[in-house]
C-alpha atoms as a PDB file:
ATOM      1  CA  MET A   1       0.000   0.000   0.000  1.00  0.00           C
ATOM      2  CA  ASP A   2       1.236   3.503  -0.858  1.00  0.00           C
ATOM      3  CA  PRO A   3       0.540   5.654   2.217  1.00  0.00           C
ATOM      4  CA  ILE A   4       1.270   8.992   0.567  1.00  0.00           C
ATOM      5  CA  ALA A   5      -1.626  10.502  -1.315  1.00  0.00           C
ATOM      6  CA  GLU A   6      -1.133  12.926  -4.206  1.00  0.00           C
ATOM      7  CA  SER A   7      -0.802  16.411  -2.754  1.00  0.00           C
ATOM      8  CA  THR A   8      -1.627  19.799  -4.196  1.00  0.00           C
ATOM      9  CA  PRO A   9       0.598  22.818  -3.461  1.00  0.00           C
ATOM     10  CA  SER A  10      -1.793  23.949  -0.726  1.00  0.00           C
ATOM     11  CA  THR A  11      -1.128  20.770   1.237  1.00  0.00           C
ATOM     12  CA  LEU A  12       2.591  21.517   1.385  1.00  0.00           C
ATOM     13  CA  LEU A  13       2.141  24.307   3.890  1.00  0.00           C
ATOM     14  CA  GLY A  14       2.673  23.697   7.576  1.00  0.00           C
ATOM     15  CA  ARG A  15      -0.114  22.305   9.720  1.00  0.00           C
ATOM     16  CA  PRO A  16      -0.929  23.615  13.180  1.00  0.00           C
ATOM     17  CA  ALA A  17      -0.046  21.593  16.246  1.00  0.00           C
ATOM     18  CA  LEU A  18      -2.502  18.906  17.318  1.00  0.00           C
ATOM     19  CA  ASN A  19      -5.380  19.935  19.546  1.00  0.00           C
ATOM     20  CA  ALA A  20      -6.247  17.974  22.695  1.00  0.00           C
ATOM     21  CA  GLU A  21      -8.824  15.776  20.965  1.00  0.00           C
ATOM     22  CA  GLU A  22      -6.459  14.892  18.131  1.00  0.00           C
ATOM     23  CA  ALA A  23      -3.646  14.167  20.587  1.00  0.00           C
ATOM     24  CA  SER A  24      -5.899  11.801  22.537  1.00  0.00           C
ATOM     25  CA  GLU A  25      -6.895   9.994  19.335  1.00  0.00           C
ATOM     26  CA  VAL A  26      -3.223   9.605  18.414  1.00  0.00           C
ATOM     27  CA  VAL A  27      -2.431   8.008  21.786  1.00  0.00           C
ATOM     28  CA  GLN A  28      -5.216   5.453  21.336  1.00  0.00           C
ATOM     29  CA  ARG A  29      -4.225   4.676  17.755  1.00  0.00           C
ATOM     30  CA  VAL A  30      -0.581   4.256  18.716  1.00  0.00           C
ATOM     31  CA  ARG A  31      -1.509   1.774  21.439  1.00  0.00           C
ATOM     32  CA  ARG A  32      -3.655  -0.253  19.036  1.00  0.00           C
ATOM     33  CA  ALA A  33      -0.971  -0.139  16.351  1.00  0.00           C
ATOM     34  CA  GLN A  34       1.652  -1.322  18.836  1.00  0.00           C
ATOM     35  CA  ALA A  35      -0.597  -4.297  19.500  1.00  0.00           C
ATOM     36  CA  GLY A  36      -0.510  -5.133  15.795  1.00  0.00           C
ATOM     37  CA  ASP A  37      -3.595  -3.285  14.554  1.00  0.00           C
ATOM     38  CA  LEU A  38      -2.600  -2.269  11.017  1.00  0.00           C
ATOM     39  CA  ALA A  39      -5.835  -0.346  10.503  1.00  0.00           C
ATOM     40  CA  ALA A  40      -4.933   1.880  13.454  1.00  0.00           C
ATOM     41  CA  TYR A  41      -1.547   2.576  11.904  1.00  0.00           C
ATOM     42  CA  ASP A  42      -3.234   3.394   8.588  1.00  0.00           C
ATOM     43  CA  GLN A  43      -5.228   6.007  10.494  1.00  0.00           C
ATOM     44  CA  LEU A  44      -2.001   7.487  11.859  1.00  0.00           C
ATOM     45  CA  VAL A  45      -0.540   7.582   8.360  1.00  0.00           C
ATOM     46  CA  HIS A  46      -3.644   9.350   7.073  1.00  0.00           C
ATOM     47  CA  GLN A  47      -3.503  11.852   9.937  1.00  0.00           C
ATOM     48  CA  PHE A  48       0.160  12.771   9.467  1.00  0.00           C
ATOM     49  CA  GLN A  49       0.869  12.145   5.789  1.00  0.00           C
ATOM     50  CA  GLU A  50       0.387  15.739   4.616  1.00  0.00           C
ATOM     51  CA  ARG A  51       2.569  17.131   7.413  1.00  0.00           C
ATOM     52  CA  ILE A  52       5.353  14.637   6.750  1.00  0.00           C
ATOM     53  CA  TYR A  53       5.122  15.008   2.981  1.00  0.00           C
ATOM     54  CA  GLY A  54       5.251  18.796   3.332  1.00  0.00           C
ATOM     55  CA  LEU A  55       8.335  18.570   5.543  1.00  0.00           C
ATOM     56  CA  CYS A  56      10.100  16.248   3.101  1.00  0.00           C
ATOM     57  CA  TYR A  57       9.160  18.403   0.135  1.00  0.00           C
ATOM     58  CA  HIS A  58      10.474  21.598   1.654  1.00  0.00           C
ATOM     59  CA  MET A  59      13.675  19.860   2.678  1.00  0.00           C
ATOM     60  CA  THR A  60      14.308  18.480  -0.821  1.00  0.00           C
ATOM     61  CA  SER A  61      12.216  20.630  -3.209  1.00  0.00           C
ATOM     62  CA  HIS A  62      11.514  17.490  -5.209  1.00  0.00           C
ATOM     63  CA  HIS A  63       8.081  15.841  -5.305  1.00  0.00           C
ATOM     64  CA  GLU A  64       9.289  12.340  -6.129  1.00  0.00           C
ATOM     65  CA  ASP A  65      12.005  12.433  -3.473  1.00  0.00           C
ATOM     66  CA  ALA A  66       9.521  13.807  -0.951  1.00  0.00           C
ATOM     67  CA  HIS A  67       7.086  11.026  -1.777  1.00  0.00           C
ATOM     68  CA  ASP A  68       9.780   8.371  -1.292  1.00  0.00           C
ATOM     69  CA  LEU A  69      11.173   9.952   1.878  1.00  0.00           C
ATOM     70  CA  ALA A  70       7.736  10.309   3.440  1.00  0.00           C
ATOM     71  CA  GLN A  71       6.964   6.687   2.664  1.00  0.00           C
ATOM     72  CA  ASP A  72      10.332   5.656   4.118  1.00  0.00           C
ATOM     73  CA  THR A  73       9.472   7.620   7.248  1.00  0.00           C
ATOM     74  CA  PHE A  74       6.218   5.729   7.790  1.00  0.00           C
ATOM     75  CA  VAL A  75       7.874   2.384   7.085  1.00  0.00           C
ATOM     76  CA  LYS A  76      10.654   3.138   9.587  1.00  0.00           C
ATOM     77  CA  ALA A  77       8.090   4.323  12.131  1.00  0.00           C
ATOM     78  CA  TRP A  78       6.070   1.116  11.772  1.00  0.00           C
ATOM     79  CA  GLN A  79       9.195  -0.996  12.188  1.00  0.00           C
ATOM     80  CA  ALA A  80      10.216   0.926  15.304  1.00  0.00           C
ATOM     81  CA  LEU A  81       6.745   1.442  16.770  1.00  0.00           C
ATOM     82  CA  LYS A  82       7.031  -1.280  19.397  1.00  0.00           C
ATOM     83  CA  ASN A  83      10.040   0.558  20.818  1.00  0.00           C
ATOM     84  CA  PHE A  84       8.134   3.842  21.099  1.00  0.00           C
ATOM     85  CA  LYS A  85       7.787   4.428  24.853  1.00  0.00           C
ATOM     86  CA  GLY A  86       5.782   7.638  24.758  1.00  0.00           C
ATOM     87  CA  ASP A  87       8.514   9.733  26.406  1.00  0.00           C
ATOM     88  CA  SER A  88       7.716  12.316  23.740  1.00  0.00           C
ATOM     89  CA  SER A  89       4.550  12.694  21.682  1.00  0.00           C
ATOM     90  CA  PHE A  90       4.103  10.533  18.603  1.00  0.00           C
ATOM     91  CA  TYR A  91       3.958  13.829  16.678  1.00  0.00           C
ATOM     92  CA  THR A  92       7.484  14.719  17.835  1.00  0.00           C
ATOM     93  CA  TRP A  93       8.762  11.168  17.415  1.00  0.00           C
ATOM     94  CA  ILE A  94       7.685  10.739  13.786  1.00  0.00           C
ATOM     95  CA  TYR A  95       8.886  14.240  12.867  1.00  0.00           C
ATOM     96  CA  ARG A  96      12.302  13.284  14.232  1.00  0.00           C
ATOM     97  CA  ILE A  97      12.313  10.188  12.027  1.00  0.00           C
ATOM     98  CA  ALA A  98      11.328  12.298   9.006  1.00  0.00           C
ATOM     99  CA  VAL A  99      13.990  14.933   9.680  1.00  0.00           C
ATOM    100  CA  ASN A 100      16.725  12.321  10.055  1.00  0.00           C
ATOM    101  CA  THR A 101      15.540  10.552   6.892  1.00  0.00           C
ATOM    102  CA  CYS A 102      15.700  13.821   4.963  1.00  0.00           C
ATOM    103  CA  LEU A 103      19.100  14.782   6.363  1.00  0.00           C
ATOM    104  CA  ASN A 104      20.541  11.405   5.408  1.00  0.00           C
ATOM    105  CA  HIS A 105      19.158  11.876   1.910  1.00  0.00           C
ATOM    106  CA  LEU A 106      20.632  15.381   1.624  1.00  0.00           C
ATOM    107  CA  LYS A 107      24.047  14.149   2.685  1.00  0.00           C
ATOM    108  CA  LEU A 108      23.993  11.843  -0.314  1.00  0.00           C
ATOM    109  CA  ARG A 109      22.758  14.540  -2.690  1.00  0.00           C
ATOM    110  CA  ARG A 110      24.077  17.874  -1.480  1.00  0.00           C
ATOM    111  CA  ASN A 111      23.517  19.572  -4.829  1.00  0.00           C
ATOM    112  CA  ARG A 112      19.748  19.221  -4.626  1.00  0.00           C
ATOM    113  CA  THR A 113      17.976  22.442  -5.667  1.00  0.00           C
ATOM    114  CA  GLN A 114      15.778  24.018  -3.014  1.00  0.00           C
ATOM    115  CA  HIS A 115      12.668  26.025  -3.968  1.00  0.00           C
ATOM    116  CA  LEU A 116      10.843  27.973  -1.285  1.00  0.00           C
ATOM    117  CA  SER A 117       8.380  30.803  -1.735  1.00  0.00           C
ATOM    118  CA  LEU A 118       9.332  34.309  -0.714  1.00  0.00           C
ATOM    119  CA  ASN A 119       6.157  34.337   1.363  1.00  0.00           C
ATOM    120  CA  ASP A 120       7.295  31.240   3.277  1.00  0.00           C
ATOM    121  CA  LEU A 121      10.128  33.000   5.087  1.00  0.00           C
ATOM    122  CA  ASP A 122       9.708  35.527   7.881  1.00  0.00           C
ATOM    123  CA  LEU A 123      12.621  37.665   6.727  1.00  0.00           C
ATOM    124  CA  GLN A 124      11.094  40.989   7.856  1.00  0.00           C
ATOM    125  CA  PRO A 125      11.711  42.744   4.522  1.00  0.00           C
ATOM    126  CA  GLU A 126      10.572  46.050   6.030  1.00  0.00           C
ATOM    127  CA  ASN A 127      14.017  46.187   7.625  1.00  0.00           C
ATOM    128  CA  HIS A 128      15.657  46.054   4.203  1.00  0.00           C
ATOM    129  CA  PRO A 129      14.661  49.085   2.073  1.00  0.00           C
ATOM    130  CA  ASP A 130      16.431  47.722  -1.014  1.00  0.00           C
ATOM    131  CA  LEU A 131      14.227  44.616  -0.983  1.00  0.00           C
ATOM    132  CA  VAL A 132      11.093  46.656  -0.257  1.00  0.00           C
ATOM    133  CA  ALA A 133      11.827  48.892  -3.231  1.00  0.00           C
ATOM    134  CA  LEU A 134      12.408  45.903  -5.450  1.00  0.00           C
ATOM    135  CA  VAL A 135       9.124  44.071  -4.732  1.00  0.00           C
ATOM    136  CA  SER A 136       7.109  47.325  -4.540  1.00  0.00           C
ATOM    137  CA  ASP A 137       8.256  48.542  -7.939  1.00  0.00           C
ATOM    138  CA  LYS A 138       5.199  49.182 -10.134  1.00  0.00           C
ATOM    139  CA  THR A 139       7.097  49.219 -13.417  1.00  0.00           C
ATOM    140  CA  PRO A 140       6.655  46.447 -16.044  1.00  0.00           C
ATOM    141  CA  ARG A 141       9.902  44.949 -14.784  1.00  0.00           C
ATOM    142  CA  ARG A 142       8.349  44.008 -11.436  1.00  0.00           C
ATOM    143  CA  GLU A 143       7.435  40.422 -12.377  1.00  0.00           C
ATOM    144  CA  ALA A 144      10.858  39.810 -13.865  1.00  0.00           C
ATOM    145  CA  ASN A 145      12.477  41.245 -10.745  1.00  0.00           C
ATOM    146  CA  LEU A 146      10.384  39.013  -8.489  1.00  0.00           C
ATOM    147  CA  ALA A 147      11.263  35.940 -10.542  1.00  0.00           C
ATOM    148  CA  GLU A 148      14.941  36.786 -10.262  1.00  0.00           C
ATOM    149  CA  LEU A 149      14.594  37.411  -6.525  1.00  0.00           C
ATOM    150  CA  GLN A 150      12.924  33.990  -6.149  1.00  0.00           C
ATOM    151  CA  ARG A 151      15.807  32.376  -8.018  1.00  0.00           C
ATOM    152  CA  ARG A 152      18.306  34.154  -5.786  1.00  0.00           C
ATOM    153  CA  LEU A 153      16.415  33.011  -2.703  1.00  0.00           C
ATOM    154  CA  ASN A 154      16.575  29.420  -3.928  1.00  0.00           C
ATOM    155  CA  GLU A 155      20.321  29.768  -4.369  1.00  0.00           C
ATOM    156  CA  ALA A 156      20.643  31.350  -0.928  1.00  0.00           C
ATOM    157  CA  ILE A 157      18.761  28.471   0.707  1.00  0.00           C
ATOM    158  CA  LEU A 158      21.311  26.076  -0.770  1.00  0.00           C
ATOM    159  CA  LYS A 159      24.102  27.998   0.931  1.00  0.00           C
ATOM    160  CA  LEU A 160      22.650  27.315   4.379  1.00  0.00           C
ATOM    161  CA  SER A 161      24.046  24.398   6.309  1.00  0.00           C
ATOM    162  CA  GLU A 162      21.700  21.449   6.799  1.00  0.00           C
ATOM    163  CA  ASP A 163      21.261  22.389  10.481  1.00  0.00           C
ATOM    164  CA  HIS A 164      20.102  25.860   9.498  1.00  0.00           C
ATOM    165  CA  ARG A 165      17.993  24.701   6.555  1.00  0.00           C
ATOM    166  CA  VAL A 166      16.047  22.276   8.730  1.00  0.00           C
ATOM    167  CA  VAL A 167      15.108  24.915  11.325  1.00  0.00           C
ATOM    168  CA  VAL A 168      14.005  27.295   8.559  1.00  0.00           C
ATOM    169  CA  THR A 169      11.868  24.518   7.088  1.00  0.00           C
ATOM    170  CA  LEU A 170      10.334  23.438  10.391  1.00  0.00           C
ATOM    171  CA  HIS A 171       9.682  26.984  11.653  1.00  0.00           C
ATOM    172  CA  ASP A 172       9.010  29.118   8.575  1.00  0.00           C
ATOM    173  CA  ILE A 173       7.430  26.462   6.359  1.00  0.00           C
ATOM    174  CA  GLN A 174       5.882  23.949   8.770  1.00  0.00           C
ATOM    175  CA  GLY A 175       4.983  26.598  11.337  1.00  0.00           C
ATOM    176  CA  LEU A 176       6.258  24.654  14.345  1.00  0.00           C
ATOM    177  CA  PRO A 177       7.118  26.541  17.548  1.00  0.00           C
ATOM    178  CA  HIS A 178      10.646  26.708  18.892  1.00  0.00           C
ATOM    179  CA  ASP A 179      10.064  24.221  21.716  1.00  0.00           C
ATOM    180  CA  GLN A 180       8.556  21.632  19.355  1.00  0.00           C
ATOM    181  CA  ILE A 181      11.499  21.966  16.961  1.00  0.00           C
ATOM    182  CA  ALA A 182      13.882  21.608  19.890  1.00  0.00           C
ATOM    183  CA  LYS A 183      12.277  18.288  20.860  1.00  0.00           C
ATOM    184  CA  ILE A 184      12.398  17.035  17.276  1.00  0.00           C
ATOM    185  CA  LEU A 185      16.068  17.921  16.825  1.00  0.00           C
ATOM    186  CA  GLY A 186      17.152  17.017  20.357  1.00  0.00           C
ATOM    187  CA  VAL A 187      18.497  20.479  21.149  1.00  0.00           C
ATOM    188  CA  ASN A 188      17.380  23.246  23.493  1.00  0.00           C
ATOM    189  CA  PRO A 189      15.012  26.038  22.336  1.00  0.00           C
ATOM    190  CA  GLY A 190      17.802  28.588  22.604  1.00  0.00           C
ATOM    191  CA  THR A 191      19.773  26.674  19.987  1.00  0.00           C
ATOM    192  CA  VAL A 192      16.756  26.683  17.684  1.00  0.00           C
ATOM    193  CA  ARG A 193      16.341  30.455  18.086  1.00  0.00           C
ATOM    194  CA  SER A 194      20.039  30.996  17.501  1.00  0.00           C
ATOM    195  CA  ARG A 195      20.045  28.908  14.319  1.00  0.00           C
ATOM    196  CA  LEU A 196      16.941  30.656  13.012  1.00  0.00           C
ATOM    197  CA  PHE A 197      18.424  34.085  13.734  1.00  0.00           C
ATOM    198  CA  TYR A 198      21.657  33.155  11.969  1.00  0.00           C
ATOM    199  CA  ALA A 199      19.825  31.628   8.981  1.00  0.00           C
ATOM    200  CA  HIS A 200      17.574  34.673   8.579  1.00  0.00           C
ATOM    201  CA  GLN A 201      20.544  37.026   8.860  1.00  0.00           C
ATOM    202  CA  GLN A 202      22.392  35.052   6.196  1.00  0.00           C
ATOM    203  CA  LEU A 203      19.416  35.013   3.829  1.00  0.00           C
ATOM    204  CA  GLN A 204      18.723  38.705   4.373  1.00  0.00           C
ATOM    205  CA  GLY A 205      22.342  39.571   3.738  1.00  0.00           C
ATOM    206  CA  TRP A 206      22.630  37.547   0.535  1.00  0.00           C
ATOM    207  CA  LEU A 207      19.410  38.977  -0.866  1.00  0.00           C
ATOM    208  CA  ALA A 208      20.169  42.559   0.172  1.00  0.00           C
ATOM    209  CA  ASP A 209      23.639  42.367  -1.406  1.00  0.00           C
ATOM    210  CA  TRP A 210      22.051  41.312  -4.682  1.00  0.00           C
ATOM    211  CA  ALA A 211      19.370  44.030  -4.558  1.00  0.00           C
ATOM    212  CA  LYS A 212      21.921  46.848  -4.340  1.00  0.00           C
END
């Protein structure tokens, strides 16, 4: 069975954290799946597949790779499910598996092109008048300028280390809070904030240098 359904671009955006009812359902499904209930695991796959696919896509910018990596994540999670002790939430646990799966993939293919939308990143362009002038330009060249800026952003993302790219993806694309990212990556929230600050500064600097 292929657990990853075909996704439209709208499904690649981050999903909010689970509410209390969803979290309770996950706990019950995990317990049944650990007892061998495949249908319960199918429900978990259905519940998390868009989140995991979105994470994998934004880490690789490649639909086929994201499909394969998401499927690998669910296979690995099923194989390891009996060892899941519930010390963290299933949400955190499976995200950690997905992140590690993506990072291993990127280590093998470091020249993978990354494509993220300008709207995906909280780069606070109001602090950079050169960028504001560029995207606010009402001349016929505006669309061409925006396309070039998008291309430059894609190139800038590639310059980030994997540690910095993953926090940008989890925070700016997936919309996860600092403490959730910290649990997924096994670091403290201060480290997450530091990496995000550094990544944003790097991206802002590269884009501002080009805009001058």
